[in-house]
C-alpha atoms as a PDB file:
ATOM      1  CA  MET A   1     -53.902 -91.018  93.026  1.00  0.00           C
ATOM      2  CA  GLN A   2     -53.042 -90.325  89.461  1.00  0.00           C
ATOM      3  CA  MET A   3     -52.493 -86.829  87.926  1.00  0.00           C
ATOM      4  CA  ASN A   4     -52.145 -86.733  84.210  1.00  0.00           C
ATOM      5  CA  PRO A   5     -49.956 -83.694  82.973  1.00  0.00           C
ATOM      6  CA  ASP A   6     -51.507 -81.774  80.395  1.00  0.00           C
ATOM      7  CA  PHE A   7     -49.874 -79.872  77.627  1.00  0.00           C
ATOM      8  CA  SER A   8     -52.703 -78.911  75.536  1.00  0.00           C
ATOM      9  CA  TYR A   9     -53.862 -75.514  74.853  1.00  0.00           C
ATOM     10  CA  GLU A  10     -56.408 -73.468  72.685  1.00  0.00           C
ATOM     11  CA  LYS A  11     -54.353 -72.390  69.259  1.00  0.00           C
ATOM     12  CA  LYS A  12     -55.288 -69.126  68.393  1.00  0.00           C
ATOM     13  CA  LYS A  13     -53.946 -66.028  66.991  1.00  0.00           C
ATOM     14  CA  ILE A  14     -51.824 -64.594  70.076  1.00  0.00           C
ATOM     15  CA  GLU A  15     -52.555 -60.714  71.006  1.00  0.00           C
ATOM     16  CA  PHE A  16     -49.257 -59.238  72.400  1.00  0.00           C
ATOM     17  CA  SER A  17     -47.677 -56.234  73.259  1.00  0.00           C
ATOM     18  CA  SER A  18     -44.034 -55.114  72.189  1.00  0.00           C
ATOM     19  CA  GLY A  19     -41.708 -52.337  72.456  1.00  0.00           C
ATOM     20  CA  TYR A  20     -38.080 -51.963  72.046  1.00  0.00           C
ATOM     21  CA  ILE A  21     -35.778 -51.619  74.990  1.00  0.00           C
ATOM     22  CA  PHE A  22     -32.437 -50.932  73.511  1.00  0.00           C
ATOM     23  CA  LYS A  23     -30.637 -50.991  70.220  1.00  0.00           C
ATOM     24  CA  GLY A  24     -27.061 -51.899  69.277  1.00  0.00           C
ATOM     25  CA  LYS A  25     -24.978 -51.362  66.142  1.00  0.00           C
ATOM     26  CA  HIS A  26     -26.183 -54.737  64.479  1.00  0.00           C
ATOM     27  CA  TYR A  27     -29.475 -55.635  66.339  1.00  0.00           C
ATOM     28  CA  ARG A  28     -32.230 -54.454  68.368  1.00  0.00           C
ATOM     29  CA  CYS A  29     -34.040 -55.909  71.307  1.00  0.00           C
ATOM     30  CA  SER A  30     -37.616 -55.697  72.124  1.00  0.00           C
ATOM     31  CA  ILE A  31     -39.786 -57.410  75.051  1.00  0.00           C
ATOM     32  CA  ILE A  32     -42.793 -58.824  73.995  1.00  0.00           C
ATOM     33  CA  LYS A  33     -45.616 -59.757  76.367  1.00  0.00           C
ATOM     34  CA  TYR A  34     -48.944 -61.862  75.997  1.00  0.00           C
ATOM     35  CA  PRO A  35     -51.272 -63.695  78.134  1.00  0.00           C
ATOM     36  CA  SER A  36     -50.266 -67.276  78.662  1.00  0.00           C
ATOM     37  CA  LEU A  37     -52.554 -69.818  77.223  1.00  0.00           C
ATOM     38  CA  TYR A  38     -52.078 -72.181  79.904  1.00  0.00           C
ATOM     39  CA  LYS A  39     -55.337 -72.996  81.596  1.00  0.00           C
ATOM     40  CA  ASN A  40     -53.978 -73.343  85.336  1.00  0.00           C
ATOM     41  CA  CYS A  41     -51.768 -70.045  85.685  1.00  0.00           C
ATOM     42  CA  THR A  42     -50.399 -69.584  89.286  1.00  0.00           C
ATOM     43  CA  LYS A  43     -50.797 -65.661  90.056  1.00  0.00           C
ATOM     44  CA  GLY A  44     -47.601 -63.951  89.046  1.00  0.00           C
ATOM     45  CA  THR A  45     -46.854 -66.350  85.933  1.00  0.00           C
ATOM     46  CA  GLU A  46     -50.240 -65.101  83.725  1.00  0.00           C
ATOM     47  CA  ASN A  47     -48.053 -63.037  81.164  1.00  0.00           C
ATOM     48  CA  VAL A  48     -45.135 -64.696  78.968  1.00  0.00           C
ATOM     49  CA  GLU A  49     -42.336 -62.579  78.613  1.00  0.00           C
ATOM     50  CA  VAL A  50     -39.985 -62.668  75.753  1.00  0.00           C
ATOM     51  CA  TYR A  51     -36.849 -60.799  74.991  1.00  0.00           C
ATOM     52  CA  HIS A  52     -36.593 -60.745  71.350  1.00  0.00           C
ATOM     53  CA  PHE A  53     -33.128 -59.803  69.667  1.00  0.00           C
ATOM     54  CA  SER A  54     -33.428 -58.869  65.824  1.00  0.00           C
ATOM     55  CA  PRO A  55     -30.764 -58.385  63.659  1.00  0.00           C
ATOM     56  CA  ARG A  56     -30.811 -55.071  61.714  1.00  0.00           C
ATOM     57  CA  GLU A  57     -29.501 -56.866  58.658  1.00  0.00           C
ATOM     58  CA  ARG A  58     -31.440 -59.854  56.826  1.00  0.00           C
ATOM     59  CA  ALA A  59     -31.911 -62.831  59.074  1.00  0.00           C
ATOM     60  CA  VAL A  60     -30.934 -66.075  58.132  1.00  0.00           C
ATOM     61  CA  GLY A  61     -32.281 -68.378  60.985  1.00  0.00           C
ATOM     62  CA  SER A  62     -33.935 -68.467  64.518  1.00  0.00           C
ATOM     63  CA  ILE A  63     -33.029 -69.491  67.882  1.00  0.00           C
ATOM     64  CA  LEU A  64     -35.378 -69.762  71.058  1.00  0.00           C
ATOM     65  CA  ILE A  65     -33.306 -69.764  74.234  1.00  0.00           C
ATOM     66  CA  LEU A  66     -34.524 -71.129  77.398  1.00  0.00           C
ATOM     67  CA  HIS A  67     -32.650 -70.488  80.791  1.00  0.00           C
ATOM     68  CA  GLY A  68     -31.761 -72.387  83.696  1.00  0.00           C
ATOM     69  CA  LEU A  69     -33.323 -72.469  87.269  1.00  0.00           C
ATOM     70  CA  GLY A  70     -33.415 -69.049  89.077  1.00  0.00           C
ATOM     71  CA  THR A  71     -32.351 -65.589  87.970  1.00  0.00           C
ATOM     72  CA  VAL A  72     -28.576 -65.179  87.774  1.00  0.00           C
ATOM     73  CA  ASN A  73     -27.707 -67.248  84.635  1.00  0.00           C
ATOM     74  CA  ILE A  74     -30.614 -64.955  82.674  1.00  0.00           C
ATOM     75  CA  PRO A  75     -28.163 -62.059  81.876  1.00  0.00           C
ATOM     76  CA  PHE A  76     -25.413 -64.396  80.440  1.00  0.00           C
ATOM     77  CA  LEU A  77     -28.215 -65.671  78.026  1.00  0.00           C
ATOM     78  CA  PHE A  78     -29.169 -61.974  76.959  1.00  0.00           C
ATOM     79  CA  TRP A  79     -25.466 -61.562  76.110  1.00  0.00           C
ATOM     80  CA  MET A  80     -25.916 -64.803  73.885  1.00  0.00           C
ATOM     81  CA  GLY A  81     -29.096 -63.493  72.481  1.00  0.00           C
ATOM     82  CA  SER A  82     -27.692 -60.136  71.470  1.00  0.00           C
ATOM     83  CA  HIS A  83     -24.593 -61.548  70.029  1.00  0.00           C
ATOM     84  CA  LEU A  84     -26.338 -64.208  67.993  1.00  0.00           C
ATOM     85  CA  ALA A  85     -28.787 -61.549  66.810  1.00  0.00           C
ATOM     86  CA  SER A  86     -25.818 -59.454  65.631  1.00  0.00           C
ATOM     87  CA  ALA A  87     -24.550 -62.461  63.540  1.00  0.00           C
ATOM     88  CA  GLY A  88     -27.785 -62.809  61.832  1.00  0.00           C
ATOM     89  CA  LEU A  89     -30.136 -64.928  63.814  1.00  0.00           C
ATOM     90  CA  GLN A  90     -33.575 -64.142  65.376  1.00  0.00           C
ATOM     91  CA  ALA A  91     -32.886 -64.740  68.818  1.00  0.00           C
ATOM     92  CA  SER A  92     -35.640 -64.900  71.689  1.00  0.00           C
ATOM     93  CA  VAL A  93     -35.008 -65.567  75.436  1.00  0.00           C
ATOM     94  CA  MET A  94     -38.279 -66.620  76.844  1.00  0.00           C
ATOM     95  CA  ILE A  95     -38.827 -66.343  80.792  1.00  0.00           C
ATOM     96  CA  LEU A  96     -39.839 -69.503  82.142  1.00  0.00           C
ATOM     97  CA  PRO A  97     -43.170 -69.348  84.664  1.00  0.00           C
ATOM     98  CA  GLY A  98     -41.853 -69.139  88.006  1.00  0.00           C
ATOM     99  CA  ASN A  99     -38.497 -67.498  87.223  1.00  0.00           C
ATOM    100  CA  TYR A 100     -37.046 -63.960  87.269  1.00  0.00           C
ATOM    101  CA  THR A 101     -39.823 -61.250  86.506  1.00  0.00           C
ATOM    102  CA  ARG A 102     -42.599 -64.395  86.359  1.00  0.00           C
ATOM    103  CA  THR A 103     -42.070 -65.664  89.917  1.00  0.00           C
ATOM    104  CA  ALA A 104     -45.025 -66.765  91.428  1.00  0.00           C
ATOM    105  CA  SER A 105     -46.608 -64.699  94.259  1.00  0.00           C
ATOM    106  CA  GLY A 106     -45.185 -65.517  97.548  1.00  0.00           C
ATOM    107  CA  SER A 107     -42.605 -67.763  96.181  1.00  0.00           C
ATOM    108  CA  THR A 108     -38.837 -67.503  94.978  1.00  0.00           C
ATOM    109  CA  SER A 109     -37.513 -67.572  91.773  1.00  0.00           C
ATOM    110  CA  GLY A 110     -37.028 -71.185  90.610  1.00  0.00           C
ATOM    111  CA  LYS A 111     -38.289 -72.526  93.555  1.00  0.00           C
ATOM    112  CA  ASP A 112     -41.665 -74.334  92.310  1.00  0.00           C
ATOM    113  CA  PHE A 113     -40.061 -76.433  89.681  1.00  0.00           C
ATOM    114  CA  PHE A 114     -38.976 -78.704  92.717  1.00  0.00           C
ATOM    115  CA  SER A 115     -41.518 -78.401  94.778  1.00  0.00           C
ATOM    116  CA  PRO A 116     -42.304 -80.978  97.481  1.00  0.00           C
ATOM    117  CA  ASP A 117     -46.029 -80.491  96.529  1.00  0.00           C
ATOM    118  CA  LEU A 118     -46.345 -82.879  93.342  1.00  0.00           C
ATOM    119  CA  ARG A 119     -49.508 -81.015  92.176  1.00  0.00           C
ATOM    120  CA  ARG A 120     -47.629 -77.686  92.409  1.00  0.00           C
ATOM    121  CA  LEU A 121     -44.575 -78.658  90.696  1.00  0.00           C
ATOM    122  CA  THR A 122     -46.559 -80.286  87.866  1.00  0.00           C
ATOM    123  CA  LEU A 123     -48.427 -77.224  87.264  1.00  0.00           C
ATOM    124  CA  PHE A 124     -45.261 -75.267  86.737  1.00  0.00           C
ATOM    125  CA  TRP A 125     -43.638 -78.001  84.150  1.00  0.00           C
ATOM    126  CA  GLU A 126     -46.982 -77.989  82.312  1.00  0.00           C
ATOM    127  CA  GLN A 127     -46.930 -74.422  81.855  1.00  0.00           C
ATOM    128  CA  ALA A 128     -43.359 -74.049  81.012  1.00  0.00           C
ATOM    129  CA  VAL A 129     -44.072 -76.470  78.020  1.00  0.00           C
ATOM    130  CA  VAL A 130     -47.346 -74.600  76.908  1.00  0.00           C
ATOM    131  CA  ASP A 131     -45.530 -71.508  77.156  1.00  0.00           C
ATOM    132  CA  THR A 132     -42.698 -72.356  74.949  1.00  0.00           C
ATOM    133  CA  MET A 133     -44.864 -74.085  72.350  1.00  0.00           C
ATOM    134  CA  THR A 134     -47.149 -70.880  72.082  1.00  0.00           C
ATOM    135  CA  THR A 135     -43.815 -68.671  72.034  1.00  0.00           C
ATOM    136  CA  ILE A 136     -42.892 -70.418  69.034  1.00  0.00           C
ATOM    137  CA  ASP A 137     -46.871 -69.992  67.748  1.00  0.00           C
ATOM    138  CA  LEU A 138     -46.279 -66.318  68.358  1.00  0.00           C
ATOM    139  CA  LEU A 139     -42.888 -66.224  66.260  1.00  0.00           C
ATOM    140  CA  GLN A 140     -44.162 -68.163  63.575  1.00  0.00           C
ATOM    141  CA  GLN A 141     -47.181 -65.992  63.316  1.00  0.00           C
ATOM    142  CA  GLU A 142     -45.000 -62.908  63.162  1.00  0.00           C
ATOM    143  CA  ASN A 143     -42.812 -64.859  60.550  1.00  0.00           C
ATOM    144  CA  ILE A 144     -39.532 -64.674  62.792  1.00  0.00           C
ATOM    145  CA  TRP A 145     -39.720 -68.568  63.074  1.00  0.00           C
ATOM    146  CA  TRP A 146     -37.651 -69.862  60.123  1.00  0.00           C
ATOM    147  CA  ASP A 147     -37.369 -73.491  59.124  1.00  0.00           C
ATOM    148  CA  ASN A 148     -33.598 -72.850  59.939  1.00  0.00           C
ATOM    149  CA  ASN A 149     -34.047 -72.946  63.702  1.00  0.00           C
ATOM    150  CA  CYS A 150     -32.753 -74.245  67.186  1.00  0.00           C
ATOM    151  CA  LEU A 151     -34.092 -74.698  70.187  1.00  0.00           C
ATOM    152  CA  PHE A 152     -31.208 -73.978  73.104  1.00  0.00           C
ATOM    153  CA  GLY A 153     -31.772 -74.824  76.727  1.00  0.00           C
ATOM    154  CA  TYR A 154     -29.579 -74.545  79.666  1.00  0.00           C
ATOM    155  CA  CYS A 155     -30.111 -76.914  82.660  1.00  0.00           C
ATOM    156  CA  LEU A 156     -33.886 -76.550  83.602  1.00  0.00           C
ATOM    157  CA  GLY A 157     -34.612 -74.801  80.047  1.00  0.00           C
ATOM    158  CA  GLY A 158     -32.768 -77.906  78.452  1.00  0.00           C
ATOM    159  CA  MET A 159     -35.183 -80.247  80.602  1.00  0.00           C
ATOM    160  CA  VAL A 160     -38.307 -78.391  79.236  1.00  0.00           C
ATOM    161  CA  SER A 161     -36.681 -78.294  75.740  1.00  0.00           C
ATOM    162  CA  THR A 162     -36.663 -82.021  75.650  1.00  0.00           C
ATOM    163  CA  ILE A 163     -40.282 -82.469  76.406  1.00  0.00           C
ATOM    164  CA  VAL A 164     -41.212 -79.681  74.217  1.00  0.00           C
ATOM    165  CA  SER A 165     -39.009 -81.132  71.224  1.00  0.00           C
ATOM    166  CA  ALA A 166     -40.618 -84.440  71.657  1.00  0.00           C
ATOM    167  CA  ILE A 167     -44.182 -83.145  71.255  1.00  0.00           C
ATOM    168  CA  ASP A 168     -43.472 -80.111  68.766  1.00  0.00           C
ATOM    169  CA  LYS A 169     -41.996 -81.092  65.437  1.00  0.00           C
ATOM    170  CA  ARG A 170     -41.185 -77.515  64.301  1.00  0.00           C
ATOM    171  CA  ILE A 171     -37.792 -77.718  65.929  1.00  0.00           C
ATOM    172  CA  ASN A 172     -34.958 -78.578  63.557  1.00  0.00           C
ATOM    173  CA  ASN A 173     -31.956 -78.425  66.295  1.00  0.00           C
ATOM    174  CA  LEU A 174     -31.960 -78.942  70.058  1.00  0.00           C
ATOM    175  CA  ILE A 175     -28.975 -77.937  71.460  1.00  0.00           C
ATOM    176  CA  LEU A 176     -28.741 -78.663  75.406  1.00  0.00           C
ATOM    177  CA  MET A 177     -26.308 -77.214  77.885  1.00  0.00           C
ATOM    178  CA  THR A 178     -25.475 -79.089  81.373  1.00  0.00           C
ATOM    179  CA  VAL A 179     -28.771 -81.144  81.384  1.00  0.00           C
ATOM    180  CA  GLY A 180     -29.864 -84.451  82.904  1.00  0.00           C
ATOM    181  CA  GLY A 181     -32.774 -86.526  83.609  1.00  0.00           C
ATOM    182  CA  ASN A 182     -34.503 -88.605  86.298  1.00  0.00           C
ATOM    183  CA  ILE A 183     -36.271 -85.850  88.572  1.00  0.00           C
ATOM    184  CA  ALA A 184     -36.360 -88.251  91.272  1.00  0.00           C
ATOM    185  CA  ARG A 185     -32.748 -88.504  91.520  1.00  0.00           C
ATOM    186  CA  ILE A 186     -32.068 -84.956  91.136  1.00  0.00           C
ATOM    187  CA  MET A 187     -34.428 -84.058  93.893  1.00  0.00           C
ATOM    188  CA  TRP A 188     -32.689 -86.558  96.360  1.00  0.00           C
ATOM    189  CA  GLN A 189     -29.236 -86.098  95.021  1.00  0.00           C
ATOM    190  CA  SER A 190     -28.506 -82.672  93.668  1.00  0.00           C
ATOM    191  CA  PRO A 191     -26.612 -80.288  96.467  1.00  0.00           C
ATOM    192  CA  VAL A 192     -28.650 -77.205  95.417  1.00  0.00           C
ATOM    193  CA  LEU A 193     -32.011 -78.902  96.293  1.00  0.00           C
ATOM    194  CA  LYS A 194     -31.312 -79.558 100.301  1.00  0.00           C
ATOM    195  CA  SER A 195     -34.210 -77.563 101.188  1.00  0.00           C
ATOM    196  CA  VAL A 196     -36.350 -79.874  98.940  1.00  0.00           C
ATOM    197  CA  ARG A 197     -35.111 -82.867 100.778  1.00  0.00           C
ATOM    198  CA  ARG A 198     -35.738 -81.531 104.106  1.00  0.00           C
ATOM    199  CA  SER A 199     -39.244 -80.709 103.285  1.00  0.00           C
ATOM    200  CA  LEU A 200     -39.870 -84.025 101.997  1.00  0.00           C
ATOM    201  CA  ARG A 201     -38.228 -85.809 105.093  1.00  0.00           C
ATOM    202  CA  SER A 202     -40.445 -83.807 107.568  1.00  0.00           C
ATOM    203  CA  GLY A 203     -43.767 -84.532 105.492  1.00  0.00           C
ATOM    204  CA  SER A 204     -46.088 -86.835 106.883  1.00  0.00           C
ATOM    205  CA  GLY A 205     -48.037 -87.746 103.690  1.00  0.00           C
ATOM    206  CA  GLU A 206     -47.184 -90.272 100.803  1.00  0.00           C
ATOM    207  CA  GLU A 207     -48.260 -87.816  97.851  1.00  0.00           C
ATOM    208  CA  GLY A 208     -46.489 -90.145  94.989  1.00  0.00           C
ATOM    209  CA  TYR A 209     -44.278 -91.277  98.017  1.00  0.00           C
ATOM    210  CA  LEU A 210     -41.806 -88.301  96.928  1.00  0.00           C
ATOM    211  CA  ASN A 211     -40.599 -88.740 100.410  1.00  0.00           C
ATOM    212  CA  ASP A 212     -39.445 -92.190 100.147  1.00  0.00           C
ATOM    213  CA  GLU A 213     -36.276 -92.056  98.100  1.00  0.00           C
ATOM    214  CA  LYS A 214     -35.929 -95.774  97.512  1.00  0.00           C
ATOM    215  CA  ARG A 215     -39.408 -96.368  96.660  1.00  0.00           C
ATOM    216  CA  LEU A 216     -39.417 -93.472  94.129  1.00  0.00           C
ATOM    217  CA  ASN A 217     -36.180 -94.398  92.541  1.00  0.00           C
ATOM    218  CA  ALA A 218     -37.440 -98.168  92.196  1.00  0.00           C
ATOM    219  CA  ARG A 219     -40.628 -96.804  90.466  1.00  0.00           C
ATOM    220  CA  PHE A 220     -38.561 -94.705  88.114  1.00  0.00           C
ATOM    221  CA  GLU A 221     -36.694 -97.883  87.095  1.00  0.00           C
ATOM    222  CA  GLU A 222     -39.601 -99.823  86.364  1.00  0.00           C
ATOM    223  CA  ASP A 223     -41.127 -96.776  84.392  1.00  0.00           C
ATOM    224  CA  SER A 224     -38.249 -96.138  82.395  1.00  0.00           C
ATOM    225  CA  LEU A 225     -38.193 -99.942  81.004  1.00  0.00           C
ATOM    226  CA  ALA A 226     -42.122 -99.349  80.418  1.00  0.00           C
ATOM    227  CA  VAL A 227     -41.454 -96.297  78.169  1.00  0.00           C
ATOM    228  CA  LYS A 228     -38.914 -97.979  75.843  1.00  0.00           C
ATOM    229  CA  LYS A 229     -42.233-100.072  74.759  1.00  0.00           C
ATOM    230  CA  MET A 230     -44.219 -96.838  73.829  1.00  0.00           C
ATOM    231  CA  LYS A 231     -44.458 -95.241  70.592  1.00  0.00           C
ATOM    232  CA  SER A 232     -45.162 -91.550  71.222  1.00  0.00           C
ATOM    233  CA  ALA A 233     -45.156 -88.821  73.869  1.00  0.00           C
ATOM    234  CA  SER A 234     -48.993 -89.099  73.496  1.00  0.00           C
ATOM    235  CA  GLU A 235     -49.150 -92.653  74.788  1.00  0.00           C
ATOM    236  CA  LEU A 236     -46.856 -91.654  77.814  1.00  0.00           C
ATOM    237  CA  LEU A 237     -49.124 -89.110  78.777  1.00  0.00           C
ATOM    238  CA  GLU A 238     -52.025 -91.448  78.575  1.00  0.00           C
ATOM    239  CA  SER A 239     -50.271 -94.216  80.561  1.00  0.00           C
ATOM    240  CA  ASP A 240     -50.381 -95.019  84.237  1.00  0.00           C
ATOM    241  CA  LEU A 241     -46.681 -94.304  84.859  1.00  0.00           C
ATOM    242  CA  HIS A 242     -45.839 -92.122  87.977  1.00  0.00           C
ATOM    243  CA  PRO A 243     -47.042 -88.423  87.378  1.00  0.00           C
ATOM    244  CA  LEU A 244     -43.525 -87.325  88.321  1.00  0.00           C
ATOM    245  CA  PHE A 245     -42.035 -89.381  85.260  1.00  0.00           C
ATOM    246  CA  LYS A 246     -44.504 -87.678  82.994  1.00  0.00           C
ATOM    247  CA  ILE A 247     -42.875 -84.460  83.185  1.00  0.00           C
ATOM    248  CA  ASP A 248     -39.323 -85.894  83.247  1.00  0.00           C
ATOM    249  CA  PRO A 249     -36.981 -85.108  80.119  1.00  0.00           C
ATOM    250  CA  LEU A 250     -35.640 -89.145  80.596  1.00  0.00           C
ATOM    251  CA  ALA A 251     -39.261 -90.144  79.563  1.00  0.00           C
ATOM    252  CA  TYR A 252     -39.354 -87.927  76.342  1.00  0.00           C
ATOM    253  CA  ALA A 253     -35.987 -88.153  75.222  1.00  0.00           C
ATOM    254  CA  ARG A 254     -36.483 -91.282  72.893  1.00  0.00           C
ATOM    255  CA  PHE A 255     -39.317 -89.516  71.181  1.00  0.00           C
ATOM    256  CA  ASN A 256     -36.569 -86.854  69.656  1.00  0.00           C
ATOM    257  CA  ASP A 257     -34.504 -87.550  66.528  1.00  0.00           C
ATOM    258  CA  SER A 258     -31.142 -88.117  68.199  1.00  0.00           C
ATOM    259  CA  ASN A 259     -29.677 -86.676  64.905  1.00  0.00           C
ATOM    260  CA  LYS A 260     -30.818 -83.186  65.810  1.00  0.00           C
ATOM    261  CA  VAL A 261     -29.520 -83.382  69.304  1.00  0.00           C
ATOM    262  CA  THR A 262     -26.222 -81.935  70.515  1.00  0.00           C
ATOM    263  CA  MET A 263     -25.501 -82.509  74.346  1.00  0.00           C
ATOM    264  CA  ILE A 264     -22.773 -80.349  75.886  1.00  0.00           C
ATOM    265  CA  GLU A 265     -21.884 -81.576  79.511  1.00  0.00           C
ATOM    266  CA  ALA A 266     -19.733 -79.764  82.127  1.00  0.00           C
ATOM    267  CA  LEU A 267     -17.001 -82.237  83.199  1.00  0.00           C
ATOM    268  CA  PHE A 268     -16.997 -80.714  86.725  1.00  0.00           C
ATOM    269  CA  ASP A 269     -20.605 -80.354  86.994  1.00  0.00           C
ATOM    270  CA  LYS A 270     -21.768 -80.807  90.629  1.00  0.00           C
ATOM    271  CA  THR A 271     -25.204 -79.477  90.484  1.00  0.00           C
ATOM    272  CA  LEU A 272     -26.521 -82.511  88.619  1.00  0.00           C
ATOM    273  CA  PRO A 273     -25.458 -85.783  89.733  1.00  0.00           C
ATOM    274  CA  ILE A 274     -23.444 -87.390  86.638  1.00  0.00           C
ATOM    275  CA  GLN A 275     -25.711 -90.336  86.583  1.00  0.00           C
ATOM    276  CA  THR A 276     -28.646 -88.105  85.554  1.00  0.00           C
ATOM    277  CA  ARG A 277     -26.726 -86.597  82.862  1.00  0.00           C
ATOM    278  CA  LYS A 278     -25.535 -90.121  81.458  1.00  0.00           C
ATOM    279  CA  GLN A 279     -29.102 -91.606  81.627  1.00  0.00           C
ATOM    280  CA  LEU A 280     -30.514 -88.680  79.686  1.00  0.00           C
ATOM    281  CA  TRP A 281     -27.642 -89.298  77.040  1.00  0.00           C
ATOM    282  CA  GLU A 282     -28.489 -92.645  76.775  1.00  0.00           C
ATOM    283  CA  ALA A 283     -32.176 -92.425  76.423  1.00  0.00           C
ATOM    284  CA  PHE A 284     -31.684 -89.771  73.575  1.00  0.00           C
ATOM    285  CA  ASP A 285     -29.893 -93.028  71.988  1.00  0.00           C
ATOM    286  CA  ARG A 286     -26.381 -91.140  72.529  1.00  0.00           C
ATOM    287  CA  PRO A 287     -26.394 -88.272  70.330  1.00  0.00           C
ATOM    288  CA  LYS A 288     -23.502 -85.904  69.500  1.00  0.00           C
ATOM    289  CA  ARG A 289     -21.970 -84.815  73.012  1.00  0.00           C
ATOM    290  CA  TYR A 290     -19.005 -82.500  73.795  1.00  0.00           C
ATOM    291  CA  ILE A 291     -17.576 -82.565  77.488  1.00  0.00           C
ATOM    292  CA  VAL A 292     -16.111 -79.323  78.512  1.00  0.00           C
ATOM    293  CA  PRO A 293     -13.619 -78.851  81.455  1.00  0.00           C
ATOM    294  CA  THR A 294     -15.923 -76.558  83.143  1.00  0.00           C
ATOM    295  CA  GLY A 295     -18.630 -76.368  86.064  1.00  0.00           C
ATOM    296  CA  HIS A 296     -22.428 -75.976  85.907  1.00  0.00           C
ATOM    297  CA  VAL A 297     -22.104 -72.262  85.870  1.00  0.00           C
ATOM    298  CA  SER A 298     -18.508 -71.700  84.964  1.00  0.00           C
ATOM    299  CA  TRP A 299     -19.376 -72.010  81.332  1.00  0.00           C
ATOM    300  CA  PHE A 300     -20.702 -68.335  81.079  1.00  0.00           C
ATOM    301  CA  PRO A 301     -17.351 -67.037  80.341  1.00  0.00           C
ATOM    302  CA  LEU A 302     -17.060 -69.504  77.403  1.00  0.00           C
ATOM    303  CA  GLU A 303     -20.117 -68.195  75.656  1.00  0.00           C
ATOM    304  CA  TYR A 304     -18.235 -67.108  72.581  1.00  0.00           C
ATOM    305  CA  ALA A 305     -17.242 -70.546  71.924  1.00  0.00           C
ATOM    306  CA  LEU A 306     -20.742 -71.861  72.351  1.00  0.00           C
ATOM    307  CA  GLY A 307     -22.193 -68.934  69.853  1.00  0.00           C
ATOM    308  CA  LYS A 308     -19.667 -70.146  67.136  1.00  0.00           C
ATOM    309  CA  TYR A 309     -20.753 -73.558  67.460  1.00  0.00           C
ATOM    310  CA  ILE A 310     -24.517 -72.327  67.422  1.00  0.00           C
ATOM    311  CA  LEU A 311     -23.821 -70.334  64.331  1.00  0.00           C
ATOM    312  CA  LYS A 312     -21.984 -73.436  62.383  1.00  0.00           C
ATOM    313  CA  LYS A 313     -24.881 -75.802  63.374  1.00  0.00           C
ATOM    314  CA  LEU A 314     -27.183 -73.325  61.788  1.00  0.00           C
ATOM    315  CA  GLY A 315     -25.043 -72.891  58.691  1.00  0.00           C
ATOM    316  CA  ILE A 316     -23.757 -69.252  59.288  1.00  0.00           C
ATOM    317  CA  LYS A 317     -20.186 -69.468  58.090  1.00  0.00           C
ATOM    318  CA  GLU A 318     -19.341 -66.191  57.211  1.00  0.00           C
ATOM    319  CA  ALA A 319     -15.847 -64.671  58.967  1.00  0.00           C
ATOM    320  CA  ARG A 320     -17.612 -61.205  59.390  1.00  0.00           C
ATOM    321  CA  ARG A 321     -20.668 -62.736  61.330  1.00  0.00           C
ATOM    322  CA  LYS A 322     -18.548 -65.055  63.608  1.00  0.00           C
ATOM    323  CA  MET A 323     -16.340 -61.933  64.450  1.00  0.00           C
ATOM    324  CA  ARG A 324     -19.266 -59.996  65.581  1.00  0.00           C
ATOM    325  CA  LEU A 325     -19.682 -62.447  68.514  1.00  0.00           C
ATOM    326  CA  LEU A 326     -16.540 -60.818  69.785  1.00  0.00           C
ATOM    327  CA  GLU A 327     -18.084 -57.080  69.066  1.00  0.00           C
ATOM    328  CA  SER A 328     -19.546 -55.033  71.836  1.00  0.00           C
ATOM    329  CA  THR A 329     -23.337 -55.125  71.992  1.00  0.00           C
ATOM    330  CA  LYS A 330     -23.928 -52.134  74.150  1.00  0.00           C
ATOM    331  CA  PRO A 331     -26.827 -50.157  73.183  1.00  0.00           C
ATOM    332  CA  THR A 332     -26.499 -47.282  71.069  1.00  0.00           C
ATOM    333  CA  GLU A 333     -28.479 -44.246  70.833  1.00  0.00           C
END
């Protein structure tokens, strides 16, 4: 058995639809939709959806935000998009395939990224990477992806962002919020994936021996050593490493420039095993890291502090713009 993940797609002009859905004092929000350029879309995921927050004044940079697994976290990142746009960034929140309004037919939001079916799991990771790169294509096409840019990913979005940044060199800053690597360990140890483990334990097949924790972890350790000798992400994709490792941020971290990476880790994160967070940080060659005294989701009320950091990272220092992070962004008439 060998399945090579495929992140390729045909680059072309992207035809899209766009319409404003609400307006604030300092920003406007539109929803952009276009057909995914991924070759093997699952029913329900065929159209990419991007919520784009545009500043009413002159923009000074761009940020693409990728959310975490499921649905609950997405409204918080809409808040982030609206406030960053008010402060001068072209801010876009892309909905990952298999989540929220792009949930696959017959599935539930977020479920397929950690499916016990290796083939199905691979398809969703492939599409997430392709959709992110084509969204950057579209933003660039419409002149709203600036050289002063950032890719921000929370949890699952950060894992996808790590892969994208290793492949796509148009990303100048990578900020990861509560992100880990080593999907094998996450599948077998994260408390939120109990249902996945039940399915794996009841499975009779050995599809990549996902249902054998010890063998899978041992293979991942071997592959982690092998990838250190590789020079590029394309060499990794063409190798005979385990298919699950080829969609793991742990494998792609070393192909990122650590000077462009910032990791923000939640001290009381119980969703991601601490070893998975440490492994990813080390795979990135120990980039700048902040450890905040919150849990995996309890950082949401601290978005103001995160917003200030993002603005500082992108060189937006005017006090007036910083203060707009505290203003109401309720829609206006």
